[in-house]
Amino acid sequence: MTAEVDLDAILAAAQRGELSEAELDQLEADLVAEHAANLRASFYAYCVERAPEFYTENRWHLRKLCDTLEALWRGELINEKTGKPYRKLGINMPPRHGKTLTLKLFSQWVFGQSLKTPIIVGCYNETLSQEFSKDVREVFQENPGRTAGNRLGYAEIFPRRRIKNGDAAMKLWRLQGSFRTSFLATSPDATATGFGALLSIIDDIVKNAEEAYNTRVLDAHEHWYKNTLAQRKEQGCLQVLNMTRWAGDDLAGRLYRSEPDDWFVLMMPACLDEAKGEMLCPDILNFETYLELKSTMDEMVFSGNYQQAPEEVGDYLYKPFKTYEPAELPRLGPIVGVFDTADEGSDFLAGGVVRTFEGKAYVLDVLYTQEHMEVTENLATSMLDENQADDAIVESNNGGRGWARNVERKLRSGEVTGRKNQKTAVRWYHQGANKWARIRSRATNVSLCVIMPADWAKRWPKFYQDVTRTKKDKQPTHDDAQDFLTIIVERALSSTVVISAENLAAMRARRNRSR
């Protein structure tokens, strides 16, 4: 309220019918001017004006998020160690709790504060980044006047903010009066050349669990951040990293570890106190739904996504596996089948086929099932024949020897596949050492030497889950998948495979064609 105008007194006079039409018009103008000034001064107030149905008083976490972003913008988010303002803000909150919407509104509000703050936004693909751009840009193309619910339009809050004619591409546009591009939407797979930013926003660049636990993808995110996005940041650039957490080694985890004193991290879990059933925002996610999600989701994904507590790689037996795309699979090298038959009725038969090349085992296919031996014999026979395996190695404990003999017989007779296989050599061995001790002692070699297909989480979800969730200090109920991987490095990578003359000739022919 201004010192010159006592609006309360004027309102009282209006209610008594003591004002003329001109005075009422002036009163309205004064009220609008004061309200617009409040919206310019407070980012949270701006959010309430634009989306009052979402930014309600009971959603205190949104007020905290807005106030933190405004403090970053105003240089009031002070680093106690340095006494200087933070310029990097990490936001880690559960899905559907308003992170992205708030960042879109923040971009609009920042443009209202300054035409001289170009913004770059990166999402995990161009479709999402362009959607972000579209939602930010739409306020500059609103018709003049009020929005729904008689709320102030953007032009009433921030006059003279317009998109420049002829410079309004979906992912790259300029505001009228700005001497350079105002907004760029990009992604790790898109270009960002020729653009300089004073506000850099990364908005959830992890697509799904398959990417979140794929070292290749995480490495690519870090490379993009350090070698592409960093080159777009101008001196004094503010950075916002908005990520629902997945893995301890995701981009947020890597940056927080490498730059621990540079980041102010706003971390809010979905459940504040599970014993009391206290939720961050019950009308977005109540306790009953939270427990339902917890009981049905993968434990590791749930912990990261909803509680912002991703389990660190160091807690697990295996480091994230290296992966390969089909075009990267070596053309040469023996193909070996490896199988660990089930010890008991509830155990899994774990096995598969790998191509060994230069000390690495590239997994081609996996068989991981609780089916009876009669079924798994046929499945393994088909897998070995389809992949034209040179060798098959079977642990003979607990009926494995008989299982291996049946597989060999079926390969030779062709009763499963319809063709006689005289190529694949089937051999078995007895394992007397403690299984869990072997698994733990070979874990590092497994992580280094076993290469998975890039889509292995999708192709073999149960196998993927059991392998990646194995803790260092806790033997799982079923360790068959882990034993299969251990046998690969113990046997497939160390044994001499006898390759048939026919297969050797084919390998040479493929090599010659590739030259």
Protein backbone atom coordinates (compact mmCIF):
# COMPACT_ATOMS: atom_id res chain seq x y z
CA MET A 1 0.00 0.00 0.00
CA THR A 2 1.37 3.43 -0.89
CA ALA A 3 1.75 6.19 1.65
CA GLU A 4 -0.18 8.65 -0.54
CA VAL A 5 -3.36 6.57 -0.84
CA ASP A 6 -5.26 5.14 2.13
CA LEU A 7 -7.03 2.34 0.28
CA ASP A 8 -8.76 1.04 3.40
CA ALA A 9 -10.41 4.40 3.94
CA ILE A 10 -11.41 4.64 0.30
CA LEU A 11 -12.90 1.13 0.38
CA ALA A 12 -14.95 2.05 3.42
CA ALA A 13 -16.20 5.17 1.64
CA ALA A 14 -17.09 3.06 -1.43
CA GLN A 15 -19.15 0.73 0.71
CA ARG A 16 -21.08 3.72 2.06
CA GLY A 17 -21.81 4.85 -1.49
CA GLU A 18 -19.81 8.06 -1.12
CA LEU A 19 -17.65 7.66 -4.28
CA SER A 20 -18.36 8.72 -7.84
CA GLU A 21 -17.82 6.48 -10.87
CA ALA A 22 -14.51 8.20 -11.57
CA GLU A 23 -13.39 7.68 -8.00
CA LEU A 24 -14.40 4.00 -8.17
CA ASP A 25 -12.40 3.60 -11.38
CA GLN A 26 -9.41 5.18 -9.69
CA LEU A 27 -9.86 2.91 -6.69
CA GLU A 28 -9.81 -0.13 -8.93
CA ALA A 29 -6.73 1.14 -10.73
CA ASP A 30 -4.96 1.71 -7.42
CA LEU A 31 -5.90 -1.76 -6.17
CA VAL A 32 -4.67 -3.37 -9.40
CA ALA A 33 -1.43 -1.40 -9.29
CA GLU A 34 -0.80 -2.43 -5.70
CA HIS A 35 -1.62 -6.07 -6.41
CA ALA A 36 0.62 -6.11 -9.49
CA ALA A 37 3.45 -4.63 -7.43
CA ASN A 38 3.04 -7.41 -4.87
CA LEU A 39 3.19 -10.04 -7.62
CA ARG A 40 6.34 -8.52 -9.03
CA ALA A 41 7.90 -8.46 -5.58
CA SER A 42 6.98 -12.01 -4.54
CA PHE A 43 7.49 -15.07 -6.72
CA TYR A 44 5.18 -17.16 -4.53
CA ALA A 45 2.42 -14.55 -4.88
CA TYR A 46 2.89 -14.70 -8.65
CA CYS A 47 2.46 -18.50 -8.58
CA VAL A 48 -0.73 -18.20 -6.54
CA GLU A 49 -2.08 -15.67 -9.04
CA ARG A 50 -1.31 -17.89 -12.04
CA ALA A 51 -2.43 -21.23 -10.54
CA PRO A 52 -4.43 -20.66 -7.33
CA GLU A 53 -5.97 -24.13 -7.46
CA PHE A 54 -2.50 -25.69 -7.12
CA TYR A 55 -0.65 -23.20 -4.90
CA THR A 56 -2.92 -23.49 -1.90
CA GLU A 57 -2.08 -22.48 1.65
CA ASN A 58 -1.88 -26.05 2.95
CA ARG A 59 0.85 -26.92 0.44
CA TRP A 60 3.65 -25.40 2.45
CA HIS A 61 6.31 -27.19 0.45
CA LEU A 62 5.45 -25.07 -2.58
CA ARG A 63 5.90 -21.88 -0.57
CA LYS A 64 9.31 -23.16 0.55
CA LEU A 65 10.29 -24.03 -3.02
CA CYS A 66 9.19 -20.64 -4.33
CA ASP A 67 10.94 -18.71 -1.56
CA THR A 68 14.16 -20.65 -2.17
CA LEU A 69 14.10 -19.91 -5.90
CA GLU A 70 13.42 -16.23 -5.24
CA ALA A 71 16.28 -16.08 -2.73
CA LEU A 72 18.58 -17.62 -5.37
CA TRP A 73 17.51 -14.98 -7.87
CA ARG A 74 17.94 -12.08 -5.45
CA GLY A 75 21.32 -13.30 -4.18
CA GLU A 76 19.91 -13.90 -0.70
CA LEU A 77 20.62 -17.64 -0.51
CA ILE A 78 23.83 -17.31 1.47
CA ASN A 79 26.54 -19.97 1.73
CA GLU A 80 27.58 -19.95 5.41
CA LYS A 81 31.04 -21.30 4.57
CA THR A 82 31.92 -18.55 2.11
CA GLY A 83 29.56 -15.76 3.15
CA LYS A 84 28.65 -15.39 -0.53
CA PRO A 85 25.37 -16.16 -2.29
CA TYR A 86 24.86 -19.62 -3.70
CA ARG A 87 24.65 -19.70 -7.47
CA LYS A 88 23.75 -23.40 -7.72
CA LEU A 89 20.49 -24.84 -6.42
CA GLY A 90 19.60 -28.54 -6.36
CA ILE A 91 15.91 -29.46 -6.03
CA ASN A 92 15.07 -33.05 -5.05
CA MET A 93 11.36 -33.73 -4.51
CA PRO A 94 8.95 -36.59 -5.29
CA PRO A 95 7.07 -36.87 -8.60
CA ARG A 96 3.90 -34.79 -9.12
CA HIS A 97 4.70 -32.32 -6.33
CA GLY A 98 4.97 -29.21 -8.53
CA LYS A 99 8.67 -28.96 -9.35
CA THR A 100 8.42 -28.48 -13.10
CA LEU A 101 5.36 -26.23 -12.96
CA THR A 102 7.13 -24.00 -10.45
CA LEU A 103 10.22 -23.75 -12.67
CA LYS A 104 8.09 -22.76 -15.66
CA LEU A 105 6.45 -20.02 -13.61
CA PHE A 106 9.86 -19.01 -12.26
CA SER A 107 11.11 -18.51 -15.81
CA GLN A 108 8.13 -16.24 -16.55
CA TRP A 109 8.68 -14.28 -13.34
CA VAL A 110 12.41 -13.86 -14.03
CA PHE A 111 11.67 -12.45 -17.50
CA GLY A 112 9.33 -10.00 -15.81
CA GLN A 113 12.18 -8.91 -13.55
CA SER A 114 14.76 -8.55 -16.31
CA LEU A 115 15.01 -8.70 -20.10
CA LYS A 116 18.72 -9.26 -19.74
CA THR A 117 18.57 -12.78 -18.29
CA PRO A 118 18.62 -15.36 -21.10
CA ILE A 119 17.42 -18.77 -19.91
CA ILE A 120 18.46 -22.23 -21.10
CA VAL A 121 16.38 -25.27 -20.10
CA GLY A 122 17.47 -28.87 -20.59
CA CYS A 123 15.14 -31.87 -20.29
CA TYR A 124 15.79 -35.51 -21.15
CA ASN A 125 14.50 -35.11 -24.71
CA GLU A 126 13.52 -32.36 -27.10
CA THR A 127 9.80 -33.05 -26.80
CA LEU A 128 9.78 -32.23 -23.08
CA SER A 129 12.13 -29.27 -23.40
CA GLN A 130 9.93 -27.78 -26.14
CA GLU A 131 6.85 -28.36 -23.99
CA PHE A 132 8.61 -26.45 -21.21
CA SER A 133 9.37 -23.65 -23.68
CA LYS A 134 5.78 -23.56 -24.91
CA ASP A 135 4.36 -23.24 -21.39
CA VAL A 136 6.76 -20.39 -20.53
CA ARG A 137 6.13 -18.58 -23.79
CA GLU A 138 2.33 -18.68 -23.70
CA VAL A 139 2.00 -15.86 -21.17
CA PHE A 140 3.62 -13.42 -23.58
CA GLN A 141 0.97 -14.29 -26.17
CA GLU A 142 -2.06 -13.89 -23.90
CA ASN A 143 -4.81 -11.54 -24.90
CA PRO A 144 -4.67 -8.31 -22.86
CA GLY A 145 -6.83 -8.22 -19.78
CA ARG A 146 -7.72 -10.61 -17.02
CA THR A 147 -7.32 -14.36 -16.97
CA ALA A 148 -9.92 -16.86 -15.73
CA GLY A 149 -11.20 -16.03 -12.27
CA ASN A 150 -10.55 -12.30 -12.83
CA ARG A 151 -6.86 -12.81 -12.09
CA LEU A 152 -4.37 -10.32 -13.44
CA GLY A 153 -2.95 -11.11 -16.85
CA TYR A 154 0.79 -11.22 -17.37
CA ALA A 155 0.75 -7.90 -19.23
CA GLU A 156 -0.89 -6.21 -16.21
CA ILE A 157 1.80 -7.59 -13.90
CA PHE A 158 4.76 -7.07 -16.23
CA PRO A 159 3.92 -4.45 -18.87
CA ARG A 160 5.91 -4.25 -22.10
CA ARG A 161 6.85 -7.94 -22.20
CA ARG A 162 6.17 -9.32 -25.67
CA ILE A 163 7.63 -11.93 -28.00
CA LYS A 164 9.58 -10.28 -30.79
CA ASN A 165 7.82 -10.61 -34.15
CA GLY A 166 9.49 -13.18 -36.37
CA ASP A 167 11.58 -14.55 -33.51
CA ALA A 168 9.25 -17.00 -31.80
CA ALA A 169 10.42 -20.51 -32.74
CA MET A 170 9.23 -23.25 -30.41
CA LYS A 171 12.59 -23.92 -28.78
CA LEU A 172 14.39 -20.64 -29.43
CA TRP A 173 12.73 -17.25 -29.01
CA ARG A 174 13.41 -13.62 -28.11
CA LEU A 175 11.51 -11.00 -26.14
CA GLN A 176 10.89 -7.63 -27.66
CA GLY A 177 13.52 -5.18 -26.45
CA SER A 178 16.16 -7.87 -25.81
CA PHE A 179 19.32 -7.58 -27.87
CA ARG A 180 19.78 -11.37 -27.98
CA THR A 181 17.90 -14.67 -27.76
CA SER A 182 15.93 -14.93 -24.52
CA PHE A 183 15.12 -18.65 -24.24
CA LEU A 184 16.59 -21.92 -25.50
CA ALA A 185 15.06 -25.37 -24.95
CA THR A 186 17.56 -28.20 -25.32
CA SER A 187 18.44 -31.74 -24.23
CA PRO A 188 21.55 -33.95 -24.00
CA ASP A 189 20.92 -35.05 -27.60
CA ALA A 190 20.30 -31.56 -29.00
CA THR A 191 22.51 -28.59 -29.83
CA ALA A 192 23.07 -25.55 -27.65
CA THR A 193 25.68 -23.70 -29.70
CA GLY A 194 25.52 -19.95 -30.12
CA PHE A 195 23.60 -19.30 -26.92
CA GLY A 196 24.71 -17.80 -23.64
CA ALA A 197 22.70 -18.18 -20.44
CA LEU A 198 22.44 -16.34 -17.14
CA LEU A 199 19.91 -18.84 -15.79
CA SER A 200 20.45 -22.54 -16.52
CA ILE A 201 17.73 -25.03 -15.60
CA ILE A 202 18.04 -28.80 -15.84
CA ASP A 203 14.62 -30.39 -15.42
CA ASP A 204 14.59 -34.16 -14.76
CA ILE A 205 16.90 -35.53 -17.46
CA VAL A 206 16.49 -39.15 -16.30
CA LYS A 207 13.71 -40.83 -18.26
CA ASN A 208 13.20 -44.11 -16.40
CA ALA A 209 14.83 -46.82 -14.31
CA GLU A 210 16.50 -48.37 -17.31
CA GLU A 211 18.43 -45.15 -17.88
CA ALA A 212 18.88 -44.37 -14.19
CA TYR A 213 21.01 -47.46 -13.56
CA ASN A 214 22.82 -47.46 -16.89
CA THR A 215 26.38 -46.23 -16.45
CA ARG A 216 26.64 -45.30 -20.11
CA VAL A 217 23.65 -42.95 -19.84
CA LEU A 218 24.81 -41.43 -16.54
CA ASP A 219 28.27 -40.82 -17.99
CA ALA A 220 26.65 -39.13 -21.00
CA HIS A 221 24.63 -36.85 -18.70
CA GLU A 222 27.77 -35.77 -16.87
CA HIS A 223 29.65 -35.25 -20.14
CA TRP A 224 26.79 -33.10 -21.48
CA TYR A 225 26.68 -31.03 -18.30
CA LYS A 226 30.43 -30.43 -18.17
CA ASN A 227 31.24 -30.09 -21.85
CA THR A 228 28.12 -28.66 -23.48
CA LEU A 229 25.95 -26.92 -20.93
CA ALA A 230 28.93 -25.43 -19.07
CA GLN A 231 30.03 -23.66 -22.24
CA ARG A 232 26.65 -21.91 -22.45
CA LYS A 233 26.87 -20.41 -18.95
CA GLU A 234 27.96 -16.80 -18.81
CA GLN A 235 29.74 -15.23 -15.86
CA GLY A 236 27.43 -15.07 -12.86
CA CYS A 237 25.01 -17.66 -14.30
CA LEU A 238 22.54 -19.13 -11.82
CA GLN A 239 22.02 -22.89 -12.03
CA VAL A 240 19.01 -24.96 -11.02
CA LEU A 241 19.23 -28.76 -11.08
CA ASN A 242 15.77 -30.24 -10.64
CA MET A 243 15.87 -34.02 -10.26
CA THR A 244 13.72 -36.68 -8.74
CA ARG A 245 16.45 -38.97 -7.46
CA TRP A 246 17.04 -42.46 -8.79
CA ALA A 247 20.56 -43.65 -8.17
CA GLY A 248 23.35 -42.42 -5.96
CA ASP A 249 25.44 -42.04 -9.10
CA ASP A 250 22.97 -39.92 -11.09
CA LEU A 251 23.92 -36.41 -12.19
CA ALA A 252 22.76 -34.86 -8.92
CA GLY A 253 24.78 -37.36 -6.88
CA ARG A 254 27.89 -36.78 -8.96
CA LEU A 255 27.67 -32.99 -8.76
CA TYR A 256 26.89 -32.92 -5.05
CA ARG A 257 29.96 -35.10 -4.40
CA SER A 258 32.35 -33.28 -6.71
CA GLU A 259 31.19 -29.76 -5.72
CA PRO A 260 29.93 -30.20 -2.15
CA ASP A 261 30.35 -26.55 -1.16
CA ASP A 262 28.81 -25.09 -4.31
CA TRP A 263 25.30 -26.50 -4.14
CA PHE A 264 22.39 -25.52 -1.94
CA VAL A 265 20.23 -28.65 -1.93
CA LEU A 266 16.51 -28.37 -1.24
CA MET A 267 15.56 -31.97 -0.46
CA MET A 268 12.02 -32.90 0.56
CA PRO A 269 10.95 -36.58 0.85
CA ALA A 270 7.36 -37.68 0.23
CA CYS A 271 7.00 -39.06 3.76
CA LEU A 272 8.38 -36.95 6.61
CA ASP A 273 7.68 -39.45 9.40
CA GLU A 274 6.52 -42.94 8.49
CA ALA A 275 5.82 -43.89 12.11
CA LYS A 276 3.36 -41.01 12.37
CA GLY A 277 2.12 -41.21 8.79
CA GLU A 278 3.20 -37.61 8.24
CA MET A 279 3.37 -36.73 4.55
CA LEU A 280 4.92 -33.83 2.69
CA CYS A 281 1.65 -33.03 0.95
CA PRO A 282 -1.24 -35.39 1.78
CA ASP A 283 -3.59 -34.02 -0.88
CA ILE A 284 -1.02 -34.85 -3.59
CA LEU A 285 0.16 -38.14 -2.06
CA ASN A 286 -1.52 -39.47 1.06
CA PHE A 287 -0.04 -42.04 3.43
CA GLU A 288 -2.23 -44.90 2.21
CA THR A 289 -1.14 -44.42 -1.41
CA TYR A 290 2.45 -44.00 -0.26
CA LEU A 291 2.38 -47.41 1.47
CA GLU A 292 0.77 -48.98 -1.59
CA LEU A 293 3.54 -47.63 -3.82
CA LYS A 294 6.16 -48.81 -1.35
CA SER A 295 4.78 -52.34 -1.38
CA THR A 296 4.57 -52.62 -5.18
CA MET A 297 7.56 -50.67 -6.49
CA ASP A 298 11.16 -51.77 -6.68
CA GLU A 299 12.70 -50.89 -3.33
CA MET A 300 15.65 -49.06 -4.85
CA VAL A 301 13.49 -47.01 -7.24
CA PHE A 302 10.97 -46.15 -4.53
CA SER A 303 13.65 -45.03 -2.08
CA GLY A 304 15.17 -42.69 -4.65
CA ASN A 305 12.00 -41.39 -6.31
CA TYR A 306 9.86 -40.79 -3.26
CA GLN A 307 12.20 -40.45 -0.32
CA GLN A 308 15.06 -38.79 -2.23
CA ALA A 309 17.38 -41.35 -0.63
CA PRO A 310 19.02 -43.17 -3.52
CA GLU A 311 21.17 -46.05 -2.42
CA GLU A 312 24.80 -45.47 -3.20
CA VAL A 313 26.64 -47.75 -5.59
CA GLY A 314 29.02 -48.62 -2.75
CA ASP A 315 26.19 -50.35 -0.87
CA TYR A 316 25.82 -52.94 -3.62
CA LEU A 317 27.83 -56.00 -4.53
CA TYR A 318 28.22 -54.98 -8.16
CA LYS A 319 29.13 -51.64 -9.61
CA PRO A 320 26.87 -50.48 -12.47
CA PHE A 321 27.45 -52.78 -15.42
CA LYS A 322 28.90 -51.55 -18.66
CA THR A 323 26.51 -52.00 -21.56
CA TYR A 324 26.68 -52.36 -25.32
CA GLU A 325 24.46 -51.52 -28.27
CA PRO A 326 23.95 -54.21 -30.97
CA ALA A 327 26.36 -52.49 -33.35
CA GLU A 328 29.07 -52.60 -30.67
CA LEU A 329 28.98 -56.37 -30.18
CA PRO A 330 32.31 -57.92 -31.27
CA ARG A 331 32.06 -59.98 -34.43
CA LEU A 332 34.65 -62.49 -33.30
CA GLY A 333 35.16 -64.59 -30.20
CA PRO A 334 33.85 -67.92 -28.87
CA ILE A 335 30.21 -68.17 -27.89
CA VAL A 336 29.80 -69.96 -24.57
CA GLY A 337 26.75 -71.12 -22.68
CA VAL A 338 26.93 -71.02 -18.87
CA PHE A 339 24.32 -72.63 -16.60
CA ASP A 340 23.79 -73.00 -12.86
CA THR A 341 20.94 -75.45 -12.30
CA ALA A 342 18.51 -74.92 -9.45
CA ASP A 343 19.62 -76.28 -6.06
CA GLU A 344 16.11 -76.62 -4.62
CA GLY A 345 12.53 -76.45 -5.86
CA SER A 346 12.18 -72.72 -5.19
CA ASP A 347 15.57 -71.77 -6.63
CA PHE A 348 16.17 -70.42 -10.11
CA LEU A 349 17.97 -71.97 -12.99
CA ALA A 350 20.27 -69.16 -14.00
CA GLY A 351 22.20 -69.28 -17.23
CA GLY A 352 22.73 -67.75 -20.58
CA VAL A 353 24.96 -67.34 -23.58
CA VAL A 354 27.93 -64.97 -23.84
CA ARG A 355 30.43 -64.02 -26.48
CA THR A 356 33.93 -63.80 -25.03
CA PHE A 357 36.34 -61.37 -26.62
CA GLU A 358 39.56 -59.82 -25.31
CA GLY A 359 38.85 -60.72 -21.69
CA LYS A 360 35.24 -59.52 -21.72
CA ALA A 361 32.01 -61.49 -21.73
CA TYR A 362 29.19 -59.90 -23.75
CA VAL A 363 25.88 -61.33 -22.56
CA LEU A 364 23.74 -62.38 -25.55
CA ASP A 365 20.81 -64.06 -23.81
CA VAL A 366 19.70 -65.02 -20.31
CA LEU A 367 17.62 -67.90 -18.97
CA TYR A 368 16.36 -67.18 -15.45
CA THR A 369 13.41 -69.27 -14.37
CA GLN A 370 11.91 -71.49 -11.69
CA GLU A 371 10.49 -73.95 -14.21
CA HIS A 372 11.13 -77.69 -13.77
CA MET A 373 14.27 -79.27 -15.23
CA GLU A 374 12.31 -80.92 -18.05
CA VAL A 375 11.29 -77.44 -19.23
CA THR A 376 14.64 -75.77 -18.71
CA GLU A 377 16.44 -78.52 -20.63
CA ASN A 378 14.41 -77.62 -23.72
CA LEU A 379 14.85 -73.88 -23.18
CA ALA A 380 18.62 -74.20 -22.79
CA THR A 381 18.86 -76.52 -25.81
CA SER A 382 17.05 -73.95 -27.98
CA MET A 383 19.17 -71.09 -26.65
CA LEU A 384 22.45 -72.87 -27.30
CA ASP A 385 21.41 -73.93 -30.80
CA GLU A 386 19.98 -70.56 -31.83
CA ASN A 387 23.17 -68.80 -30.75
CA GLN A 388 25.38 -71.49 -32.32
CA ALA A 389 27.35 -71.83 -29.09
CA ASP A 390 30.78 -73.38 -29.28
CA ASP A 391 30.73 -74.58 -25.71
CA ALA A 392 28.31 -75.08 -22.81
CA ILE A 393 29.51 -75.15 -19.21
CA VAL A 394 27.21 -76.60 -16.54
CA GLU A 395 27.72 -76.74 -12.79
CA SER A 396 27.00 -80.38 -12.00
CA ASN A 397 25.92 -80.00 -8.36
CA ASN A 398 22.39 -81.05 -7.39
CA GLY A 399 21.44 -82.86 -10.54
CA GLY A 400 23.35 -80.62 -12.91
CA ARG A 401 25.26 -83.51 -14.46
CA GLY A 402 22.09 -85.31 -15.51
CA TRP A 403 20.61 -82.03 -16.74
CA ALA A 404 23.73 -81.39 -18.86
CA ARG A 405 23.64 -84.91 -20.36
CA ASN A 406 20.00 -84.44 -21.34
CA VAL A 407 20.77 -81.08 -22.97
CA GLU A 408 23.63 -82.67 -24.90
CA ARG A 409 21.42 -85.54 -26.04
CA LYS A 410 18.71 -83.16 -27.21
CA LEU A 411 21.22 -81.04 -29.09
CA ARG A 412 22.59 -84.05 -30.92
CA SER A 413 19.21 -85.60 -31.70
CA GLY A 414 17.49 -82.39 -32.79
CA GLU A 415 14.33 -83.37 -30.94
CA VAL A 416 13.82 -79.81 -29.62
CA THR A 417 14.96 -77.62 -32.50
CA GLY A 418 14.37 -79.96 -35.44
CA ARG A 419 18.03 -79.96 -36.44
CA LYS A 420 20.96 -81.97 -35.13
CA ASN A 421 23.67 -79.92 -33.43
CA GLN A 422 27.08 -81.56 -33.50
CA LYS A 423 28.91 -78.30 -32.82
CA THR A 424 28.20 -77.29 -29.23
CA ALA A 425 30.43 -79.12 -26.75
CA VAL A 426 28.64 -79.69 -23.43
CA ARG A 427 30.75 -80.21 -20.32
CA TRP A 428 30.10 -80.12 -16.61
CA TYR A 429 32.08 -79.71 -13.42
CA HIS A 430 31.57 -80.05 -9.69
CA GLN A 431 31.80 -76.94 -7.52
CA GLY A 432 32.84 -77.58 -3.93
CA ALA A 433 33.67 -74.06 -2.74
CA ASN A 434 31.25 -71.95 -0.70
CA LYS A 435 28.92 -70.24 -3.17
CA TRP A 436 28.48 -66.87 -1.41
CA ALA A 437 32.20 -66.60 -0.70
CA ARG A 438 32.93 -67.18 -4.39
CA ILE A 439 30.30 -64.66 -5.44
CA ARG A 440 31.68 -61.94 -3.16
CA SER A 441 35.31 -62.58 -4.08
CA ARG A 442 34.55 -62.40 -7.83
CA ALA A 443 32.20 -59.39 -7.69
CA THR A 444 34.79 -56.88 -8.87
CA ASN A 445 35.77 -59.09 -11.82
CA VAL A 446 32.12 -59.52 -12.73
CA SER A 447 31.56 -55.74 -12.76
CA LEU A 448 34.65 -55.19 -14.88
CA CYS A 449 34.35 -58.09 -17.33
CA VAL A 450 30.65 -58.80 -17.90
CA ILE A 451 29.05 -56.47 -20.45
CA MET A 452 25.24 -56.34 -20.61
CA PRO A 453 22.97 -55.34 -23.52
CA ALA A 454 21.84 -51.73 -23.17
CA ASP A 455 18.22 -52.87 -22.73
CA TRP A 456 18.87 -55.68 -20.27
CA ALA A 457 16.59 -54.20 -17.61
CA LYS A 458 13.69 -54.43 -20.04
CA ARG A 459 14.59 -57.81 -21.53
CA TRP A 460 15.16 -59.64 -18.25
CA PRO A 461 13.49 -57.57 -15.49
CA LYS A 462 13.60 -60.22 -12.73
CA PHE A 463 17.22 -61.08 -13.46
CA TYR A 464 18.10 -57.37 -13.60
CA GLN A 465 16.37 -56.66 -10.31
CA ASP A 466 17.97 -59.56 -8.43
CA VAL A 467 21.46 -58.71 -9.71
CA THR A 468 21.40 -54.95 -9.20
CA ARG A 469 19.82 -55.13 -5.72
CA THR A 470 22.39 -57.52 -4.25
CA LYS A 471 23.90 -55.93 -1.14
CA LYS A 472 27.53 -56.46 -0.19
CA ASP A 473 26.84 -57.45 3.38
CA LYS A 474 23.69 -59.53 2.97
CA GLN A 475 23.40 -62.85 1.18
CA PRO A 476 20.12 -62.91 -0.77
CA THR A 477 17.59 -65.71 -0.40
CA HIS A 478 18.30 -66.73 -3.99
CA ASP A 479 21.84 -66.18 -5.25
CA ASP A 480 21.53 -68.14 -8.51
CA ALA A 481 21.78 -65.09 -10.78
CA GLN A 482 24.93 -64.01 -8.97
CA ASP A 483 26.42 -67.50 -9.24
CA PHE A 484 25.77 -67.52 -12.99
CA LEU A 485 27.76 -64.28 -13.36
CA THR A 486 30.51 -65.68 -11.17
CA ILE A 487 30.80 -68.82 -13.33
CA ILE A 488 31.19 -66.60 -16.38
CA VAL A 489 34.39 -65.05 -15.03
CA GLU A 490 35.59 -68.29 -13.41
CA ARG A 491 35.00 -70.57 -16.37
CA ALA A 492 33.89 -68.91 -19.59
CA LEU A 493 36.65 -66.30 -19.52
CA SER A 494 39.37 -68.63 -18.33
CA SER A 495 38.66 -71.83 -20.25
CA THR A 496 40.00 -72.84 -23.62
CA VAL A 497 37.07 -73.28 -25.97
CA VAL A 498 37.45 -75.71 -28.84
CA ILE A 499 36.04 -74.01 -31.90
CA SER A 500 34.94 -76.17 -34.80
CA ALA A 501 36.64 -75.78 -38.17
CA GLU A 502 33.29 -74.82 -39.67
CA ASN A 503 32.74 -72.04 -37.13
CA LEU A 504 36.32 -70.82 -37.44
CA ALA A 505 35.89 -70.46 -41.20
CA ALA A 506 32.66 -68.53 -40.67
CA MET A 507 34.35 -66.23 -38.16
CA ARG A 508 37.14 -65.50 -40.64
CA ALA A 509 34.60 -64.81 -43.38
CA ARG A 510 32.71 -62.35 -41.16
CA ARG A 511 35.96 -60.64 -40.24
CA ASN A 512 36.94 -60.28 -43.91
CA ARG A 513 33.53 -58.84 -44.78
CA SER A 514 33.85 -56.25 -41.99
CA ARG A 515 37.15 -54.93 -43.31
